[in-house]
Protein backbone atom coordinates (compact mmCIF):
# COMPACT_ATOMS: atom_id res chain seq x y z
CA MET A 1 26.72 7.05 -15.47
CA ASN A 2 24.89 6.80 -18.66
CA PHE A 3 21.32 8.14 -19.27
CA SER A 4 19.65 4.90 -18.94
CA GLY A 5 21.17 4.12 -15.77
CA VAL A 6 20.07 7.68 -14.60
CA ALA A 7 16.67 6.84 -15.55
CA TYR A 8 16.35 2.88 -14.00
CA LEU A 9 17.45 4.50 -11.20
CA ILE A 10 15.12 7.39 -11.16
CA PHE A 11 12.35 4.80 -11.83
CA THR A 12 12.91 2.39 -9.77
CA ILE A 13 13.41 4.52 -6.31
CA ALA A 14 9.91 6.55 -7.84
CA LEU A 15 8.19 2.53 -8.03
CA ALA A 16 9.46 2.51 -3.89
CA THR A 17 8.28 5.46 -3.31
CA VAL A 18 4.96 3.95 -4.12
CA LEU A 19 4.39 1.43 -2.10
CA ALA A 20 5.93 2.62 0.97
CA GLY A 21 3.76 5.26 0.65
CA ILE A 22 0.59 3.03 -0.48
CA ILE A 23 1.70 0.11 2.69
CA PHE A 24 1.45 3.28 4.66
CA TYR A 25 -2.08 4.17 3.43
CA TYR A 26 -3.34 1.63 4.47
CA TYR A 27 -1.68 -0.11 8.29
CA ASN A 28 -2.58 3.88 9.53
CA PRO A 29 -3.97 3.38 12.89
CA LYS A 30 -6.80 5.42 11.15
CA ARG A 31 -8.30 3.29 8.83
CA LYS A 32 -7.96 -0.15 10.95
CA GLU A 33 -11.86 -0.43 11.72
CA LYS A 34 -12.87 0.22 8.03
CA VAL A 35 -9.70 -2.35 6.84
CA GLU A 36 -11.04 -4.80 9.70
CA LYS A 37 -15.43 -4.60 8.96
CA PRO A 38 -15.13 -6.40 5.49
CA LYS A 39 -13.63 -9.05 7.27
CA GLN A 40 -15.77 -8.76 10.60
CA ASN A 41 -18.55 -9.26 8.29
CA MET A 42 -17.98 -11.86 6.11
CA LEU A 43 -17.70 -14.02 10.30
CA ASP A 44 -20.71 -13.01 10.65
CA ASP A 45 -23.93 -15.14 10.61
CA ASP A 46 -26.68 -14.65 8.46
CA GLN A 47 -28.99 -16.14 10.75
């Protein structure tokens, strides 16, 4: 493998790691209330 092939491989692995981190952070059970609250606020009546 030449340098550009290795660079693309490292870049792909880095992007996959960042994506997995974002998914883990968002779907963490500790954040459920914070994530769900805006959705529930939209459904509440303002009356």
